[in-house]
Protein backbone atom coordinates (compact mmCIF):
# COMPACT_ATOMS: atom_id res chain seq x y z
CA PHE A 1 -11.21 -9.38 -2.37
CA PRO A 2 -14.01 -11.69 -3.43
CA THR A 3 -15.24 -12.43 0.12
CA LYS A 4 -15.35 -10.46 3.35
CA GLN A 5 -13.09 -13.11 4.88
CA SER A 6 -10.43 -12.36 2.25
CA LEU A 7 -10.25 -8.67 3.21
CA PRO A 8 -7.13 -7.63 5.10
CA GLY A 9 -7.47 -5.48 8.21
CA VAL A 10 -6.02 -2.42 6.43
CA VAL A 11 -6.14 -1.42 2.76
CA PHE A 12 -4.19 1.73 1.91
CA TYR A 13 -5.78 3.52 -1.00
CA ASP A 14 -4.70 6.85 -2.45
CA ASN A 15 -8.22 8.27 -2.67
CA ALA A 16 -9.63 6.35 0.28
CA CYS A 17 -11.47 9.44 1.50
CA LYS A 18 -13.48 9.61 -1.74
CA LEU A 19 -13.99 5.85 -1.67
CA GLN A 20 -15.14 6.00 1.95
CA ARG A 21 -17.62 8.77 1.12
CA HIS A 22 -19.00 6.67 -1.76
CA ILE A 23 -19.26 3.53 0.39
CA MET A 24 -21.12 5.42 3.08
CA ALA A 25 -23.45 7.10 0.55
CA GLN A 26 -24.29 3.67 -0.89
CA ASP A 27 -24.87 2.25 2.61
CA ASP A 28 -22.40 -0.51 1.67
CA HIS A 29 -21.12 -2.55 4.62
CA TYR A 30 -18.61 -4.79 2.80
CA PHE A 31 -15.60 -2.91 4.24
CA ASP A 32 -16.97 -2.48 7.77
CA ASP A 33 -14.22 -4.66 9.29
CA CYS A 34 -11.42 -3.13 7.21
CA TRP A 35 -9.62 0.21 7.68
CA LEU A 36 -9.33 2.29 4.49
CA PRO A 37 -6.64 4.88 5.23
CA VAL A 38 -4.98 7.28 2.84
CA ASP A 39 -1.20 7.42 2.54
CA ALA A 40 0.42 9.48 5.31
CA PHE A 41 1.79 11.88 2.65
CA HIS A 42 -1.75 12.32 1.28
CA MET A 43 -2.99 13.09 4.78
CA ARG A 44 -0.36 15.83 5.23
CA THR A 45 -0.50 17.43 1.80
CA LYS A 46 -3.81 16.83 0.01
CA HIS A 47 -6.22 18.18 2.62
CA LYS A 48 -6.73 21.19 4.76
CA GLU A 49 -6.92 20.61 8.48
CA SER A 50 -10.56 21.63 8.15
CA ASP A 51 -11.30 18.45 6.15
CA LYS A 52 -12.80 16.57 9.07
CA PHE A 53 -14.10 13.65 6.99
CA CYS A 54 -10.70 12.42 5.84
CA GLY A 55 -9.26 13.05 9.29
CA GLN A 56 -12.00 11.05 10.97
CA TRP A 57 -12.40 8.13 8.56
CA CYS A 58 -9.11 7.77 6.64
CA ASN A 59 -6.33 9.03 8.93
CA PRO A 60 -3.63 6.34 9.11
CA ALA A 61 -2.44 7.69 12.49
CA ALA A 62 -5.80 6.66 13.99
CA ILE A 63 -5.26 2.97 13.19
CA PRO A 64 -3.90 0.88 16.07
CA GLY A 65 -0.56 -0.72 15.26
CA LEU A 66 0.48 1.53 12.37
CA ILE A 67 2.52 3.77 14.67
CA THR A 68 5.06 2.09 16.94
CA ASN A 69 5.61 2.89 20.61
CA ASN A 70 8.48 5.24 19.70
CA GLY A 71 6.22 7.27 17.38
CA LYS A 72 7.51 5.93 14.03
CA TRP A 73 5.41 4.43 11.27
CA ALA A 74 5.36 0.62 11.33
CA PHE A 75 4.55 0.56 7.60
CA ASN A 76 5.93 2.81 4.87
CA SER A 77 2.79 3.55 2.89
CA SER A 78 4.65 6.03 0.65
CA ALA A 79 7.09 3.32 -0.44
CA ALA A 80 4.16 1.00 -1.05
CA GLU A 81 2.48 3.67 -3.17
CA MET A 82 5.66 4.17 -5.23
CA THR A 83 5.91 0.41 -5.75
CA ASN A 84 2.28 0.32 -6.80
CA ALA A 85 2.93 3.11 -9.31
CA TRP A 86 5.91 1.11 -10.63
CA PHE A 87 3.67 -1.96 -11.03
CA GLY A 88 1.17 0.22 -12.90
CA GLY A 89 3.77 0.71 -15.62
CA PHE A 90 3.30 -2.95 -16.55
CA GLN A 91 -0.48 -2.74 -16.84
CA SER A 92 -0.54 -2.91 -20.64
CA ILE A 93 1.62 -6.06 -20.51
CA ILE A 94 -0.23 -7.90 -17.77
CA ARG A 95 -3.80 -6.79 -18.47
CA GLU A 96 -4.93 -9.99 -20.14
CA MET A 97 -2.54 -12.50 -18.57
CA ARG A 98 -3.86 -15.57 -16.85
CA GLU A 99 -3.20 -15.74 -13.11
CA GLU A 100 -0.24 -18.15 -13.32
CA ARG A 101 1.56 -16.10 -15.97
CA TYR A 102 0.80 -12.86 -14.10
CA ASP A 103 2.28 -14.27 -10.87
CA PHE A 104 5.36 -15.56 -12.71
CA PHE A 105 5.89 -12.28 -14.59
CA LEU A 106 5.64 -10.10 -11.47
CA ASP A 107 7.87 -12.47 -9.51
CA GLU A 108 10.57 -12.29 -12.19
CA ILE A 109 10.31 -8.53 -12.78
CA ILE A 110 10.57 -7.89 -9.02
CA LYS A 111 13.67 -10.11 -8.81
CA GLN A 112 15.29 -8.21 -11.68
CA HIS A 113 14.33 -4.85 -10.18
CA ASN A 114 15.81 -5.90 -6.82
CA GLN A 115 19.07 -7.00 -8.48
CA ILE A 116 19.37 -3.64 -10.25
CA THR A 117 18.58 -1.78 -7.01
CA LEU A 118 21.19 -3.78 -5.07
CA LYS A 119 23.78 -3.08 -7.75
CA GLU A 120 23.04 0.66 -7.57
CA LEU A 121 23.10 0.66 -3.76
CA SER A 122 26.41 -1.19 -3.61
CA LYS A 123 28.06 1.55 -5.69
CA ASN A 124 27.51 4.06 -2.87
CA GLN A 125 27.00 1.96 0.23
CA GLU A 126 26.71 -1.60 1.42
CA PRO A 127 23.05 -2.68 1.31
CA TRP A 128 21.62 -4.09 4.53
CA TRP A 129 20.71 -7.75 4.21
CA ILE A 130 17.78 -9.16 6.12
CA PRO A 131 18.66 -12.70 7.25
CA ASN A 132 16.46 -15.51 5.92
CA LEU A 133 14.94 -16.99 9.04
CA LEU A 134 13.43 -19.90 7.12
CA GLU A 135 16.78 -21.52 6.28
């Protein structure tokens, strides 16, 4: 995120608690308007309840809008983390690609991955299709 205006409101980061500690120690204010939560799984399993820092600064449950009115997560950060790990498997291929080629490669690999996933899902169950509201 090259400018503060390009920062999203929330950036999930696996080690956000360590990052947040570092940012605060450096007196860096670049991320002041951006939440830096850890994954919900990280919150439940990587810390003791006595870890007040992560609970205070990086708890995803403390962020307005991430939990719906019926108490469910509005965003599946664990699925996002798994997808990110999957993308990481292509790092050696994409490391030195120009932006256009990188975008094209990821677009195509995601399409192929989705086709394989749909094929696997249709063996056991009918996948749920989200209607395209733009058509």
